[in-house]
N, C-alpha and C. Protein backbone atom coordinates (compact mmCIF):
# COMPACT_ATOMS: atom_id res chain seq x y z
N MET A 1 0.84 -1.18 0.00
CA MET A 1 0.00 0.00 0.00
C MET A 1 0.89 1.24 0.00
N THR A 2 0.61 2.19 -0.86
CA THR A 2 1.41 3.40 -0.94
C THR A 2 0.62 4.57 -0.39
N ASP A 3 1.36 5.58 0.04
CA ASP A 3 0.72 6.79 0.55
C ASP A 3 0.30 7.66 -0.63
N ASN A 4 -0.98 7.97 -0.71
CA ASN A 4 -1.49 8.81 -1.78
C ASN A 4 -1.83 10.20 -1.28
N PHE A 5 -1.29 10.59 -0.18
CA PHE A 5 -1.58 11.90 0.36
C PHE A 5 -0.28 12.61 0.71
N VAL A 6 -0.37 13.90 0.80
CA VAL A 6 0.80 14.71 1.11
C VAL A 6 0.85 14.93 2.61
N ARG A 7 1.99 14.62 3.20
CA ARG A 7 2.14 14.80 4.64
C ARG A 7 2.52 16.25 4.92
N PRO A 8 2.05 16.78 6.05
CA PRO A 8 2.44 18.14 6.41
C PRO A 8 3.94 18.23 6.65
N PRO A 9 4.51 19.42 6.53
CA PRO A 9 5.96 19.55 6.69
C PRO A 9 6.47 19.17 8.07
N ASP A 10 5.60 19.24 9.08
CA ASP A 10 6.05 18.88 10.43
C ASP A 10 5.64 17.47 10.82
N PHE A 11 5.39 16.61 9.81
CA PHE A 11 5.00 15.23 10.07
C PHE A 11 6.14 14.47 10.75
N ASP A 12 5.79 13.73 11.75
CA ASP A 12 6.76 12.91 12.46
C ASP A 12 6.25 11.47 12.43
N PRO A 13 7.00 10.53 11.89
CA PRO A 13 6.51 9.16 11.77
C PRO A 13 6.16 8.51 13.10
N ILE A 14 6.72 9.00 14.18
CA ILE A 14 6.44 8.41 15.48
C ILE A 14 5.05 8.78 15.98
N ASP A 15 4.39 9.74 15.32
CA ASP A 15 3.04 10.12 15.72
C ASP A 15 2.10 8.92 15.73
N ALA A 16 2.36 7.96 14.87
CA ALA A 16 1.50 6.78 14.81
C ALA A 16 1.68 5.89 16.03
N GLU A 17 2.77 6.04 16.76
CA GLU A 17 3.06 5.16 17.89
C GLU A 17 2.79 5.79 19.25
N VAL A 18 2.59 7.10 19.29
CA VAL A 18 2.42 7.80 20.56
C VAL A 18 0.95 8.12 20.76
N ASP A 19 0.51 8.21 22.00
CA ASP A 19 -0.88 8.47 22.34
C ASP A 19 -1.33 9.80 21.73
N ILE A 20 -2.17 9.71 20.73
CA ILE A 20 -2.60 10.90 19.99
C ILE A 20 -3.50 11.79 20.86
N ASP A 21 -4.23 11.22 21.81
CA ASP A 21 -5.06 12.05 22.68
C ASP A 21 -4.20 13.03 23.47
N ASN A 22 -3.08 12.55 24.02
CA ASN A 22 -2.16 13.45 24.73
C ASN A 22 -1.55 14.44 23.77
N ARG A 23 -1.22 14.02 22.57
CA ARG A 23 -0.59 14.89 21.59
C ARG A 23 -1.53 16.04 21.24
N LYS A 24 -2.86 15.76 21.19
CA LYS A 24 -3.83 16.81 20.87
C LYS A 24 -3.97 17.80 22.02
N GLN A 25 -3.83 17.32 23.25
CA GLN A 25 -3.94 18.19 24.41
C GLN A 25 -2.76 19.15 24.49
N PHE A 26 -1.58 18.68 24.14
CA PHE A 26 -0.36 19.46 24.25
C PHE A 26 0.36 19.50 22.90
N PRO A 27 -0.16 20.26 21.96
CA PRO A 27 0.46 20.28 20.63
C PRO A 27 1.83 20.96 20.66
N LEU A 28 2.76 20.41 19.92
CA LEU A 28 4.11 20.96 19.80
C LEU A 28 4.49 21.00 18.33
N SER A 29 5.25 22.00 17.96
CA SER A 29 5.75 22.02 16.59
C SER A 29 6.81 20.92 16.46
N PHE A 30 7.09 20.53 15.26
CA PHE A 30 8.09 19.48 15.03
C PHE A 30 9.44 19.91 15.59
N GLN A 31 9.82 21.16 15.38
CA GLN A 31 11.11 21.67 15.87
C GLN A 31 11.16 21.63 17.39
N ASP A 32 10.09 22.04 18.06
CA ASP A 32 10.07 22.01 19.52
C ASP A 32 10.11 20.58 20.05
N ARG A 33 9.41 19.68 19.36
CA ARG A 33 9.43 18.28 19.77
C ARG A 33 10.84 17.70 19.66
N GLN A 34 11.54 18.03 18.57
CA GLN A 34 12.91 17.56 18.40
C GLN A 34 13.82 18.11 19.49
N ARG A 35 13.64 19.38 19.82
CA ARG A 35 14.44 19.98 20.90
C ARG A 35 14.18 19.27 22.23
N LEU A 36 12.90 19.06 22.54
CA LEU A 36 12.56 18.41 23.80
C LEU A 36 13.07 16.97 23.85
N ARG A 37 13.01 16.26 22.73
CA ARG A 37 13.55 14.90 22.70
C ARG A 37 15.03 14.90 23.04
N LYS A 38 15.76 15.84 22.47
CA LYS A 38 17.19 15.94 22.73
C LYS A 38 17.44 16.20 24.22
N ILE A 39 16.70 17.13 24.81
CA ILE A 39 16.85 17.47 26.23
C ILE A 39 16.51 16.28 27.11
N VAL A 40 15.37 15.66 26.84
CA VAL A 40 14.91 14.54 27.67
C VAL A 40 15.88 13.37 27.60
N LYS A 41 16.38 13.06 26.41
CA LYS A 41 17.33 11.96 26.27
C LYS A 41 18.63 12.25 27.02
N LYS A 42 19.06 13.50 26.98
CA LYS A 42 20.32 13.87 27.61
C LYS A 42 20.20 13.97 29.13
N VAL A 43 19.07 14.44 29.63
CA VAL A 43 18.93 14.71 31.07
C VAL A 43 18.13 13.63 31.79
N HIS A 44 16.91 13.39 31.34
CA HIS A 44 15.99 12.53 32.08
C HIS A 44 16.19 11.04 31.81
N LEU A 45 16.68 10.69 30.64
CA LEU A 45 16.81 9.28 30.27
C LEU A 45 18.28 8.85 30.13
N LYS A 46 19.18 9.61 30.72
CA LYS A 46 20.61 9.34 30.51
C LYS A 46 21.07 8.01 31.10
N PHE A 47 20.33 7.44 32.02
CA PHE A 47 20.75 6.19 32.64
C PHE A 47 20.17 4.96 31.95
N LEU A 48 19.35 5.16 30.94
CA LEU A 48 18.82 4.03 30.19
C LEU A 48 19.88 3.47 29.25
N PRO A 49 19.81 2.19 28.96
CA PRO A 49 20.72 1.63 27.96
C PRO A 49 20.47 2.28 26.59
N GLU A 50 21.50 2.33 25.78
CA GLU A 50 21.43 3.01 24.48
C GLU A 50 20.27 2.49 23.61
N GLU A 51 19.99 1.21 23.65
CA GLU A 51 18.94 0.64 22.80
C GLU A 51 17.54 1.08 23.24
N LEU A 52 17.40 1.60 24.46
CA LEU A 52 16.09 2.07 24.93
C LEU A 52 15.92 3.58 24.75
N LEU A 53 16.93 4.28 24.31
CA LEU A 53 16.84 5.73 24.09
C LEU A 53 16.21 6.01 22.72
N THR A 54 14.92 5.81 22.63
CA THR A 54 14.21 6.01 21.37
C THR A 54 13.36 7.27 21.44
N ASP A 55 12.92 7.72 20.29
CA ASP A 55 12.02 8.88 20.25
C ASP A 55 10.71 8.57 20.96
N LYS A 56 10.26 7.34 20.86
CA LYS A 56 9.01 6.96 21.51
C LYS A 56 9.14 7.08 23.03
N GLU A 57 10.24 6.62 23.59
CA GLU A 57 10.45 6.75 25.04
C GLU A 57 10.57 8.21 25.44
N ALA A 58 11.26 8.99 24.64
CA ALA A 58 11.38 10.42 24.93
C ALA A 58 10.01 11.10 24.87
N ASP A 59 9.18 10.72 23.89
CA ASP A 59 7.85 11.30 23.78
C ASP A 59 6.98 10.95 24.98
N LYS A 60 7.11 9.74 25.48
CA LYS A 60 6.36 9.36 26.69
C LYS A 60 6.74 10.26 27.85
N MET A 61 8.02 10.51 28.00
CA MET A 61 8.50 11.37 29.08
C MET A 61 8.02 12.80 28.88
N ILE A 62 8.07 13.29 27.66
CA ILE A 62 7.63 14.65 27.35
C ILE A 62 6.16 14.81 27.69
N GLU A 63 5.35 13.82 27.34
CA GLU A 63 3.92 13.88 27.63
C GLU A 63 3.66 13.87 29.13
N ALA A 64 4.51 13.17 29.87
CA ALA A 64 4.34 13.09 31.32
C ALA A 64 4.76 14.37 32.03
N LEU A 65 5.61 15.17 31.40
CA LEU A 65 6.12 16.38 32.05
C LEU A 65 5.05 17.45 32.26
N GLY A 66 4.16 17.58 31.34
CA GLY A 66 3.16 18.63 31.43
C GLY A 66 3.59 19.88 30.68
N PRO A 67 2.63 20.73 30.33
CA PRO A 67 2.93 21.87 29.47
C PRO A 67 3.84 22.93 30.09
N SER A 68 3.71 23.21 31.36
CA SER A 68 4.53 24.26 31.97
C SER A 68 6.00 23.84 32.04
N VAL A 69 6.26 22.58 32.35
CA VAL A 69 7.65 22.09 32.41
C VAL A 69 8.25 22.06 31.02
N ARG A 70 7.47 21.63 30.03
CA ARG A 70 7.96 21.63 28.65
C ARG A 70 8.34 23.03 28.20
N GLU A 71 7.49 23.98 28.52
CA GLU A 71 7.77 25.37 28.13
C GLU A 71 9.06 25.86 28.79
N LYS A 72 9.23 25.54 30.07
CA LYS A 72 10.43 25.95 30.80
C LYS A 72 11.68 25.32 30.19
N LEU A 73 11.63 24.03 29.86
CA LEU A 73 12.77 23.35 29.25
C LEU A 73 13.14 23.97 27.90
N LEU A 74 12.12 24.28 27.10
CA LEU A 74 12.38 24.89 25.80
C LEU A 74 13.01 26.27 25.94
N ILE A 75 12.49 27.07 26.86
CA ILE A 75 13.04 28.42 27.06
C ILE A 75 14.48 28.35 27.52
N GLU A 76 14.77 27.46 28.46
CA GLU A 76 16.15 27.30 28.94
C GLU A 76 17.08 26.82 27.83
N HIS A 77 16.62 25.88 27.03
CA HIS A 77 17.44 25.35 25.93
C HIS A 77 17.74 26.44 24.91
N ILE A 78 16.73 27.18 24.54
CA ILE A 78 16.93 28.25 23.55
C ILE A 78 17.86 29.32 24.08
N ALA A 79 17.75 29.64 25.37
CA ALA A 79 18.62 30.64 25.98
C ALA A 79 20.08 30.16 25.96
N LYS A 80 20.31 28.86 26.19
CA LYS A 80 21.67 28.32 26.19
C LYS A 80 22.27 28.31 24.80
N VAL A 81 21.43 28.07 23.80
CA VAL A 81 21.91 27.99 22.42
C VAL A 81 22.31 29.36 21.90
N LYS A 82 21.62 30.39 22.32
CA LYS A 82 21.92 31.76 21.83
C LYS A 82 23.19 32.29 22.36
């Protein structure tokens, strides 16, 4: 079966594997999601074995953090990058 539709530019293939109800409650742009994944993998999941450091695991953690913590992490990350 082939895809006969055009995916949005911020399409993430992992969307099919993560709880979409939570994703709808806390929408994130693709760029912000990528940033948060990087932060969560580096800080919150650093003690997991390498084979368990997946985007799906990072997304689970991101969803569990809540919107205010996610916003704080993004602001801090952007401030450090500048």
